[in-house]
N, C-alpha and C. Protein backbone atom coordinates (compact mmCIF):
# COMPACT_ATOMS: atom_id res chain seq x y z
N MET A 1 126.67 93.21 112.02
CA MET A 1 126.57 94.07 110.88
C MET A 1 125.10 94.44 110.63
N THR A 2 124.90 95.66 110.22
CA THR A 2 123.55 96.09 109.91
C THR A 2 123.25 95.85 108.44
N LEU A 3 121.98 96.03 108.07
CA LEU A 3 121.57 95.83 106.69
C LEU A 3 122.30 96.79 105.75
N ALA A 4 122.45 98.02 106.17
CA ALA A 4 123.12 99.02 105.32
C ALA A 4 124.58 98.67 105.09
N GLN A 5 125.22 98.02 106.02
CA GLN A 5 126.62 97.64 105.85
C GLN A 5 126.77 96.47 104.87
N ASN A 6 125.75 95.63 104.78
CA ASN A 6 125.81 94.47 103.89
C ASN A 6 125.46 94.80 102.45
N LEU A 7 124.77 95.93 102.22
CA LEU A 7 124.37 96.29 100.87
C LEU A 7 125.49 97.05 100.16
N THR A 8 125.67 96.72 98.91
CA THR A 8 126.61 97.51 98.11
C THR A 8 125.87 98.74 97.60
N ILE A 9 126.58 99.66 97.03
CA ILE A 9 125.96 100.88 96.53
C ILE A 9 124.97 100.58 95.41
N ASP A 10 125.20 99.51 94.64
CA ASP A 10 124.28 99.13 93.57
C ASP A 10 122.97 98.57 94.10
N GLN A 11 122.95 98.04 95.30
CA GLN A 11 121.75 97.45 95.88
C GLN A 11 121.00 98.42 96.79
N PHE A 12 121.53 99.58 97.04
CA PHE A 12 120.96 100.49 98.02
C PHE A 12 119.60 101.04 97.59
N TRP A 13 119.28 101.03 96.31
CA TRP A 13 117.99 101.51 95.82
C TRP A 13 116.84 100.61 96.26
N LEU A 14 117.14 99.42 96.76
CA LEU A 14 116.09 98.50 97.20
C LEU A 14 115.35 98.99 98.44
N ILE A 15 116.02 99.70 99.31
CA ILE A 15 115.39 100.14 100.56
C ILE A 15 114.21 101.08 100.29
N PRO A 16 114.37 102.16 99.49
CA PRO A 16 113.19 103.00 99.20
C PRO A 16 112.10 102.24 98.46
N LEU A 17 112.46 101.31 97.60
CA LEU A 17 111.48 100.52 96.86
C LEU A 17 110.66 99.63 97.81
N ILE A 18 111.30 99.04 98.77
CA ILE A 18 110.61 98.20 99.75
C ILE A 18 109.69 99.05 100.61
N ILE A 19 110.15 100.21 101.05
CA ILE A 19 109.32 101.10 101.86
C ILE A 19 108.10 101.56 101.06
N TRP A 20 108.30 101.97 99.79
CA TRP A 20 107.21 102.38 98.90
C TRP A 20 106.17 101.27 98.79
N SER A 21 106.62 100.05 98.55
CA SER A 21 105.73 98.92 98.36
C SER A 21 104.95 98.60 99.64
N LEU A 22 105.61 98.63 100.76
CA LEU A 22 104.94 98.31 102.03
C LEU A 22 103.88 99.34 102.40
N ILE A 23 104.14 100.60 102.12
CA ILE A 23 103.15 101.64 102.42
C ILE A 23 101.89 101.43 101.60
N TRP A 24 102.03 101.26 100.29
CA TRP A 24 100.86 101.07 99.43
C TRP A 24 100.14 99.76 99.74
N LYS A 25 100.89 98.70 100.02
CA LYS A 25 100.28 97.41 100.35
C LYS A 25 99.48 97.52 101.65
N GLY A 26 100.03 98.20 102.64
CA GLY A 26 99.32 98.36 103.90
C GLY A 26 98.03 99.13 103.75
N ILE A 27 98.05 100.23 103.01
CA ILE A 27 96.84 101.03 102.80
C ILE A 27 95.79 100.22 102.04
N ALA A 28 96.19 99.56 100.96
CA ALA A 28 95.24 98.79 100.15
C ALA A 28 94.67 97.61 100.93
N LEU A 29 95.49 96.90 101.69
CA LEU A 29 94.98 95.77 102.48
C LEU A 29 94.01 96.26 103.55
N TRP A 30 94.29 97.38 104.15
CA TRP A 30 93.39 97.95 105.16
C TRP A 30 92.03 98.28 104.53
N LYS A 31 92.05 98.93 103.37
CA LYS A 31 90.80 99.34 102.71
C LYS A 31 89.98 98.13 102.28
N CYS A 32 90.60 97.14 101.63
CA CYS A 32 89.80 96.00 101.17
C CYS A 32 89.38 95.11 102.34
N GLY A 33 90.13 95.10 103.41
CA GLY A 33 89.70 94.37 104.61
C GLY A 33 88.48 95.03 105.24
N ARG A 34 88.48 96.35 105.31
CA ARG A 34 87.35 97.08 105.88
C ARG A 34 86.11 96.99 104.99
N ASN A 35 86.31 96.82 103.67
CA ASN A 35 85.20 96.73 102.73
C ASN A 35 84.75 95.30 102.47
N ASN A 36 85.29 94.33 103.19
CA ASN A 36 84.94 92.92 103.04
C ASN A 36 85.13 92.43 101.61
N GLN A 37 86.22 92.80 100.97
CA GLN A 37 86.54 92.34 99.62
C GLN A 37 87.64 91.28 99.73
N LEU A 38 87.22 90.06 100.03
CA LEU A 38 88.14 88.97 100.31
C LEU A 38 89.05 88.64 99.13
N TYR A 39 88.50 88.61 97.92
CA TYR A 39 89.32 88.25 96.76
C TYR A 39 90.41 89.29 96.50
N TRP A 40 90.08 90.55 96.65
CA TRP A 40 91.10 91.59 96.50
C TRP A 40 92.15 91.47 97.60
N PHE A 41 91.71 91.19 98.82
CA PHE A 41 92.64 91.06 99.95
C PHE A 41 93.66 89.95 99.67
N ILE A 42 93.19 88.80 99.21
CA ILE A 42 94.08 87.67 98.94
C ILE A 42 95.03 88.01 97.79
N ALA A 43 94.50 88.61 96.73
CA ALA A 43 95.34 88.97 95.58
C ALA A 43 96.43 89.97 95.98
N LEU A 44 96.05 90.99 96.72
CA LEU A 44 97.03 92.00 97.14
C LEU A 44 98.05 91.43 98.11
N LEU A 45 97.62 90.50 98.93
CA LEU A 45 98.53 89.90 99.90
C LEU A 45 99.56 89.00 99.22
N LEU A 46 99.15 88.25 98.20
CA LEU A 46 100.04 87.28 97.56
C LEU A 46 100.89 87.84 96.43
N LEU A 47 100.39 88.83 95.71
CA LEU A 47 101.11 89.37 94.57
C LEU A 47 101.94 90.58 94.98
N ASN A 48 103.20 90.57 94.58
CA ASN A 48 104.06 91.71 94.85
C ASN A 48 104.29 92.46 93.55
N THR A 49 103.64 93.61 93.41
CA THR A 49 103.73 94.39 92.18
C THR A 49 104.34 95.76 92.43
N VAL A 50 105.09 95.91 93.49
CA VAL A 50 105.78 97.15 93.86
C VAL A 50 104.79 98.31 93.96
N GLY A 51 103.61 98.04 94.45
CA GLY A 51 102.63 99.08 94.69
C GLY A 51 101.70 99.38 93.53
N LEU A 52 101.94 98.83 92.35
CA LEU A 52 101.12 99.16 91.19
C LEU A 52 99.70 98.60 91.30
N LEU A 53 99.56 97.33 91.64
CA LEU A 53 98.23 96.74 91.79
C LEU A 53 97.48 97.41 92.94
N GLU A 54 98.18 97.75 93.99
CA GLU A 54 97.57 98.40 95.13
C GLU A 54 97.00 99.77 94.75
N ILE A 55 97.75 100.53 93.96
CA ILE A 55 97.29 101.85 93.51
C ILE A 55 96.08 101.70 92.59
N VAL A 56 96.12 100.70 91.68
CA VAL A 56 94.98 100.45 90.79
C VAL A 56 93.75 100.12 91.62
N TYR A 57 93.89 99.27 92.62
CA TYR A 57 92.75 98.93 93.49
C TYR A 57 92.21 100.17 94.18
N LEU A 58 93.08 100.98 94.76
CA LEU A 58 92.63 102.14 95.51
C LEU A 58 91.92 103.17 94.63
N ILE A 59 92.35 103.29 93.39
CA ILE A 59 91.75 104.30 92.50
C ILE A 59 90.44 103.80 91.89
N TRP A 60 90.40 102.55 91.41
CA TRP A 60 89.26 102.13 90.61
C TRP A 60 88.36 101.05 91.23
N PHE A 61 88.84 100.22 92.14
CA PHE A 61 88.07 99.05 92.52
C PHE A 61 87.59 99.00 93.97
N GLN A 62 87.97 99.93 94.80
CA GLN A 62 87.45 99.86 96.16
C GLN A 62 86.00 100.32 96.19
N LYS A 63 85.25 99.82 97.15
CA LYS A 63 83.83 100.16 97.24
C LYS A 63 83.67 101.63 97.60
N GLU A 64 82.65 102.22 97.01
CA GLU A 64 82.34 103.62 97.31
C GLU A 64 81.63 103.72 98.66
N LYS A 65 81.92 104.78 99.38
CA LYS A 65 81.22 105.01 100.65
C LYS A 65 79.81 105.54 100.37
N LYS A 66 78.88 105.11 101.18
CA LYS A 66 77.49 105.54 100.98
C LYS A 66 77.18 106.77 101.78
């Protein structure tokens, strides 16, 4: 059985939510890893906020390019 066969119609909204979260988490982890921001990297890796903390980091807290 596939994942889609095991989900009921009420649970099907989880798939887009997981994809949304993984995209933002990947972008934010890449940026803070490249900017050597270890504390942000650990926080983003451990906390699951459905992309909200990742978006806040990308908008306000990542290092500016020189």
